[in-house]
Amino acid sequence: MKTKIFMLIAATVFVMINVQGRAQEKFSLGYKMEKGKVYKFAQENIIETIQEMEGQEMKMNTDGHTMIKYEVEDVSREGTITLVYSYDEVKLHLKGIGKDTTMEMKKMLDKKTRAEITKNGKVIQESSVDTTKGLKSMMSLNLFASSNLPRLPEQAIGIGDKWSGVTNDTSQSDDGLVVYKRNIEYTLAGTDKKSNHDCLKIDFKGNLEMTEKMKQMGMDVAREGSGETSGSLWFDPASGLLIEEQTVTAIEMTMAITGQSQITIPMSQKTTTTQKLVE
């Protein structure tokens, strides 16, 4: 009996030591994109939009497939990444309000932006490197390519640790401007296998605000809204790459139209997005 009790105590102590050791393990995260390489992410968007006009509710469903391309021009000793991001593919299927349309947004493929990004994903500066004209706005769908990579912590972290990231994402077309502001809290949830990569799973949640101004058919259109976003991402610390990200965003908006007509339209939009590294 004493032998069995001793073995049980020893096994319990071993488990506790193992758990404590794993809990104390720290991870230093950073993007490790290589100079001269091209990275592509396939993104699937499901967007549900509801708006009310003159007491009538109208619904629009949009399925969007995009391929975002990052061309790495340089990587500094400190890990700062200089890259050009753009779209390789943009396809939209819109259904609702009497429409059932599939579109390939070929002009969006010519929009290119150069960005400098820290190894933790913070954008230092951005500038347009194209002269594309005549691009009509799809800003309300938030489908513009973005260098807004998930923010990684500056310090080493362990399972359960949290950090925050505040970002401003500005998209501009020929007829308008939209700004998204996000305040996200990240939590290192644990380790996980994703697409044959040994990843860290990171959960996140936060809030966002958006403002939009544009001109359409000779009228001024302004849109303001706020909402919440949440999801999970899988990051490979060995390769320094985002492998997959899943996000759900819900936002309530008000659109004001002035000019020949004066109209205020309440809107709500839910977007479910999956983004995966293409290898």
Protein backbone atom coordinates (compact mmCIF):
# COMPACT_ATOMS: atom_id res chain seq x y z
CA MET A 1 0.00 0.00 0.00
CA LYS A 2 2.81 2.42 0.93
CA THR A 3 4.47 1.70 -2.41
CA LYS A 4 1.28 2.52 -4.33
CA ILE A 5 0.79 5.76 -2.39
CA PHE A 6 4.41 6.75 -3.02
CA MET A 7 4.01 6.08 -6.77
CA LEU A 8 0.78 8.11 -6.85
CA ILE A 9 2.47 11.06 -5.11
CA ALA A 10 5.45 10.85 -7.47
CA ALA A 11 3.20 10.79 -10.53
CA THR A 12 1.20 13.79 -9.25
CA VAL A 13 4.39 15.78 -8.60
CA PHE A 14 5.66 14.92 -12.09
CA VAL A 15 2.44 16.16 -13.70
CA MET A 16 2.53 19.37 -11.67
CA ILE A 17 6.15 20.05 -12.61
CA ASN A 18 5.38 19.38 -16.28
CA VAL A 19 2.35 21.69 -16.25
CA GLN A 20 4.29 24.44 -14.47
CA GLY A 21 7.15 24.10 -16.94
CA ARG A 22 4.79 24.45 -19.89
CA ALA A 23 3.00 27.39 -18.29
CA GLN A 24 6.31 29.18 -17.83
CA GLU A 25 7.38 28.66 -21.46
CA LYS A 26 7.76 31.96 -23.28
CA PHE A 27 7.53 32.70 -27.00
CA SER A 28 9.11 35.61 -28.87
CA LEU A 29 7.02 36.37 -31.95
CA GLY A 30 7.89 38.31 -35.07
CA TYR A 31 7.24 38.29 -38.81
CA LYS A 32 10.15 36.80 -40.77
CA MET A 33 9.30 37.51 -44.40
CA GLU A 34 12.31 37.07 -46.70
CA LYS A 35 13.65 39.65 -49.14
CA GLY A 36 12.74 38.85 -52.76
CA LYS A 37 9.92 36.48 -51.87
CA VAL A 38 6.22 36.79 -52.72
CA TYR A 39 3.61 35.73 -50.16
CA LYS A 40 -0.03 35.19 -51.06
CA PHE A 41 -3.12 34.92 -48.86
CA ALA A 42 -6.46 33.60 -50.11
CA GLN A 43 -9.36 35.40 -48.45
CA GLU A 44 -13.01 34.37 -48.42
CA ASN A 45 -15.60 36.93 -47.28
CA ILE A 46 -19.28 36.36 -46.55
CA ILE A 47 -21.01 39.72 -46.08
CA GLU A 48 -24.61 40.14 -44.93
CA THR A 49 -25.96 43.68 -45.25
CA ILE A 50 -29.36 44.94 -44.06
CA GLN A 51 -30.53 48.49 -44.66
CA GLU A 52 -33.81 50.29 -44.11
CA MET A 53 -35.24 52.83 -46.55
CA GLU A 54 -38.66 54.46 -46.31
CA GLY A 55 -39.74 51.84 -43.77
CA GLN A 56 -38.74 48.92 -45.98
CA GLU A 57 -35.99 46.47 -45.01
CA MET A 58 -33.63 45.43 -47.79
CA LYS A 59 -31.05 42.64 -47.63
CA MET A 60 -27.90 42.07 -49.68
CA ASN A 61 -25.61 39.04 -49.46
CA THR A 62 -22.10 39.21 -50.90
CA ASP A 63 -19.61 36.38 -51.36
CA GLY A 64 -16.12 37.67 -52.04
CA HIS A 65 -12.97 35.80 -53.04
CA THR A 66 -9.69 37.71 -53.04
CA MET A 67 -6.01 36.87 -53.29
CA ILE A 68 -3.73 39.36 -51.53
CA LYS A 69 -0.08 39.46 -52.62
CA TYR A 70 2.88 40.74 -50.59
CA GLU A 71 6.10 41.36 -52.57
CA VAL A 72 9.00 41.79 -50.13
CA GLU A 73 11.53 44.38 -51.31
CA ASP A 74 13.80 44.54 -48.28
CA VAL A 75 14.23 43.43 -44.67
CA SER A 76 16.45 45.49 -42.34
CA ARG A 77 18.73 44.15 -39.62
CA GLU A 78 16.13 45.21 -37.07
CA GLY A 79 13.48 43.18 -38.92
CA THR A 80 11.64 46.10 -40.55
CA ILE A 81 9.94 44.81 -43.71
CA THR A 82 9.51 46.91 -46.86
CA LEU A 83 6.93 45.38 -49.19
CA VAL A 84 4.40 46.15 -51.91
CA TYR A 85 0.91 44.74 -51.41
CA SER A 86 -1.85 44.37 -53.99
CA TYR A 87 -4.54 42.02 -55.23
CA ASP A 88 -3.98 39.05 -57.53
CA GLU A 89 -7.67 38.15 -57.72
CA VAL A 90 -10.95 39.85 -56.80
CA LYS A 91 -14.29 38.15 -57.47
CA LEU A 92 -17.64 39.17 -56.00
CA HIS A 93 -21.09 37.60 -56.12
CA LEU A 94 -23.88 39.96 -55.00
CA LYS A 95 -27.43 38.80 -54.42
CA GLY A 96 -30.32 40.90 -53.15
CA ILE A 97 -32.35 44.06 -53.81
CA GLY A 98 -33.37 42.61 -57.18
CA LYS A 99 -29.80 41.78 -58.22
CA ASP A 100 -27.86 38.56 -58.74
CA THR A 101 -24.51 39.60 -60.15
CA THR A 102 -20.99 38.18 -60.36
CA MET A 103 -18.13 40.63 -60.90
CA GLU A 104 -14.39 40.41 -61.42
CA MET A 105 -12.85 43.66 -60.19
CA LYS A 106 -9.92 43.70 -62.61
CA LYS A 107 -9.07 47.37 -62.09
CA MET A 108 -8.42 46.67 -58.42
CA LEU A 109 -5.51 44.43 -59.47
CA ASP A 110 -3.56 47.54 -60.53
CA LYS A 111 -3.77 49.20 -57.11
CA LYS A 112 -0.40 48.84 -55.37
CA THR A 113 0.84 50.24 -52.08
CA ARG A 114 4.34 50.24 -50.63
CA ALA A 115 4.55 49.82 -46.85
CA GLU A 116 7.17 49.67 -44.14
CA ILE A 117 6.19 47.35 -41.31
CA THR A 118 7.95 46.45 -38.07
CA LYS A 119 8.58 42.80 -37.28
CA ASN A 120 5.61 43.00 -34.89
CA GLY A 121 3.19 44.15 -37.62
CA LYS A 122 3.03 47.89 -36.89
CA VAL A 123 2.78 50.01 -40.04
CA ILE A 124 5.47 52.73 -40.08
CA GLN A 125 4.39 54.35 -43.34
CA GLU A 126 2.49 53.64 -46.55
CA SER A 127 2.43 55.25 -50.00
CA SER A 128 0.70 54.51 -53.30
CA VAL A 129 2.97 53.31 -56.12
CA ASP A 130 0.44 53.30 -58.96
CA THR A 131 -1.51 55.83 -60.99
CA THR A 132 -4.69 53.82 -61.43
CA LYS A 133 -7.69 55.94 -62.43
CA GLY A 134 -11.38 55.27 -62.70
CA LEU A 135 -11.55 52.76 -59.85
CA LYS A 136 -15.04 52.82 -58.40
CA SER A 137 -15.45 52.45 -54.68
CA MET A 138 -16.18 49.11 -53.01
CA MET A 139 -15.20 50.59 -49.66
CA SER A 140 -18.36 49.67 -47.78
CA LEU A 141 -17.36 46.02 -48.26
CA ASN A 142 -13.89 46.68 -46.77
CA LEU A 143 -12.32 44.63 -49.56
CA PHE A 144 -9.26 46.74 -50.20
CA ALA A 145 -5.91 44.98 -49.84
CA SER A 146 -4.29 45.92 -46.56
CA SER A 147 -0.89 45.67 -44.93
CA ASN A 148 -2.70 45.62 -41.60
CA LEU A 149 -1.21 42.32 -40.38
CA PRO A 150 -2.29 41.11 -36.93
CA ARG A 151 -0.28 42.88 -34.23
CA LEU A 152 2.26 40.70 -32.43
CA PRO A 153 3.55 41.42 -28.91
CA GLU A 154 6.86 43.22 -28.47
CA GLN A 155 7.78 41.15 -25.41
CA ALA A 156 8.04 37.38 -24.94
CA ILE A 157 4.70 35.86 -23.92
CA GLY A 158 3.35 32.69 -22.34
CA ILE A 159 0.07 30.81 -22.56
CA GLY A 160 -2.73 33.03 -21.26
CA ASP A 161 -0.84 36.31 -21.70
CA LYS A 162 -2.63 39.26 -23.32
CA TRP A 163 -1.57 42.28 -25.38
CA SER A 164 -3.34 44.98 -27.36
CA GLY A 165 -3.07 46.53 -30.79
CA VAL A 166 -4.56 49.81 -32.04
CA THR A 167 -4.58 50.31 -35.82
CA ASN A 168 -5.88 52.81 -38.37
CA ASP A 169 -6.57 51.45 -41.85
CA THR A 170 -7.23 54.01 -44.60
CA SER A 171 -8.48 53.08 -48.09
CA GLN A 172 -8.89 55.58 -50.90
CA SER A 173 -10.41 55.39 -54.36
CA ASP A 174 -11.20 57.94 -57.05
CA ASP A 175 -14.49 58.90 -55.43
CA GLY A 176 -13.97 58.55 -51.71
CA LEU A 177 -12.11 57.75 -48.54
CA VAL A 178 -12.79 55.28 -45.72
CA VAL A 179 -11.00 54.97 -42.38
CA TYR A 180 -11.24 51.96 -40.06
CA LYS A 181 -9.95 52.28 -36.47
CA ARG A 182 -9.51 49.06 -34.49
CA ASN A 183 -8.66 48.40 -30.86
CA ILE A 184 -7.98 44.69 -30.44
CA GLU A 185 -7.03 42.59 -27.41
CA TYR A 186 -5.09 39.40 -28.18
CA THR A 187 -4.69 36.33 -25.96
CA LEU A 188 -2.23 33.49 -26.50
CA ALA A 189 -4.60 30.53 -26.18
CA GLY A 190 -2.13 27.67 -26.72
CA THR A 191 -0.38 25.53 -29.31
CA ASP A 192 -2.16 23.97 -32.28
CA LYS A 193 -1.49 22.24 -35.60
CA LYS A 194 -2.70 24.09 -38.69
CA SER A 195 -1.93 23.23 -42.34
CA ASN A 196 1.05 21.06 -41.29
CA HIS A 197 2.54 23.92 -39.23
CA ASP A 198 3.22 23.86 -35.50
CA CYS A 199 1.38 27.04 -34.60
CA LEU A 200 0.45 29.21 -31.69
CA LYS A 201 -3.29 29.82 -31.56
CA ILE A 202 -4.14 33.42 -30.71
CA ASP A 203 -7.69 34.50 -29.88
CA PHE A 204 -8.72 38.13 -30.25
CA LYS A 205 -11.65 40.46 -29.73
CA GLY A 206 -12.18 44.19 -29.83
CA ASN A 207 -14.09 47.10 -31.26
CA LEU A 208 -13.87 49.20 -34.38
CA GLU A 209 -15.07 52.50 -35.78
CA MET A 210 -15.42 53.50 -39.42
CA THR A 211 -16.01 56.75 -41.27
CA GLU A 212 -16.55 57.06 -45.00
CA LYS A 213 -17.02 59.97 -47.37
CA MET A 214 -17.58 59.74 -51.10
CA LYS A 215 -19.42 61.17 -54.07
CA GLN A 216 -21.86 59.13 -56.12
CA MET A 217 -24.15 60.35 -58.91
CA GLY A 218 -23.46 63.96 -57.96
CA MET A 219 -24.42 63.50 -54.31
CA ASP A 220 -22.34 63.51 -51.13
CA VAL A 221 -22.46 60.28 -49.15
CA ALA A 222 -21.22 60.02 -45.57
CA ARG A 223 -21.24 56.87 -43.51
CA GLU A 224 -20.35 56.36 -39.85
CA GLY A 225 -20.48 53.22 -37.75
CA SER A 226 -19.09 51.16 -34.94
CA GLY A 227 -19.07 47.52 -33.99
CA GLU A 228 -17.24 44.51 -32.63
CA THR A 229 -14.82 41.98 -34.07
CA SER A 230 -13.55 38.64 -32.78
CA GLY A 231 -11.81 35.52 -33.99
CA SER A 232 -8.68 33.40 -33.92
CA LEU A 233 -5.42 33.29 -35.82
CA TRP A 234 -2.69 30.68 -36.15
CA PHE A 235 0.92 31.89 -36.24
CA ASP A 236 3.99 29.74 -36.94
CA PRO A 237 6.75 31.12 -34.69
CA ALA A 238 9.48 29.09 -36.44
CA SER A 239 8.80 30.48 -39.94
CA GLY A 240 7.47 33.82 -38.65
CA LEU A 241 4.34 33.62 -40.81
CA LEU A 242 0.61 33.97 -40.34
CA ILE A 243 -0.89 30.64 -41.45
CA GLU A 244 -4.61 31.24 -41.05
CA GLU A 245 -7.03 33.78 -39.59
CA GLN A 246 -10.78 33.55 -38.95
CA THR A 247 -12.73 36.70 -38.11
CA VAL A 248 -16.35 37.73 -37.53
CA THR A 249 -17.17 41.45 -37.57
CA ALA A 250 -20.55 43.06 -36.88
CA ILE A 251 -21.07 46.79 -37.39
CA GLU A 252 -24.01 49.18 -37.13
CA MET A 253 -23.90 52.18 -39.48
CA THR A 254 -25.81 55.26 -40.55
CA MET A 255 -25.51 56.59 -44.10
CA ALA A 256 -26.43 60.20 -44.85
CA ILE A 257 -26.99 61.34 -48.46
CA THR A 258 -27.08 65.04 -49.29
CA GLY A 259 -27.46 66.90 -52.57
CA GLN A 260 -30.51 66.56 -54.79
CA SER A 261 -32.02 64.35 -52.07
CA GLN A 262 -31.70 64.32 -48.27
CA ILE A 263 -31.79 60.75 -46.97
CA THR A 264 -30.62 59.00 -43.80
CA ILE A 265 -30.34 55.20 -44.00
CA PRO A 266 -29.60 52.91 -41.01
CA MET A 267 -27.55 49.84 -41.93
CA SER A 268 -26.09 46.76 -40.29
CA GLN A 269 -23.38 44.53 -41.69
CA LYS A 270 -21.92 41.20 -40.62
CA THR A 271 -18.73 39.95 -42.25
CA THR A 272 -17.26 36.47 -41.82
CA THR A 273 -13.71 36.21 -43.15
CA THR A 274 -11.25 33.35 -43.53
CA GLN A 275 -7.69 34.11 -44.63
CA LYS A 276 -5.11 31.42 -45.40
CA LEU A 277 -1.48 31.44 -46.50
CA VAL A 278 -1.10 29.93 -49.98
CA GLU A 279 1.95 27.66 -50.15
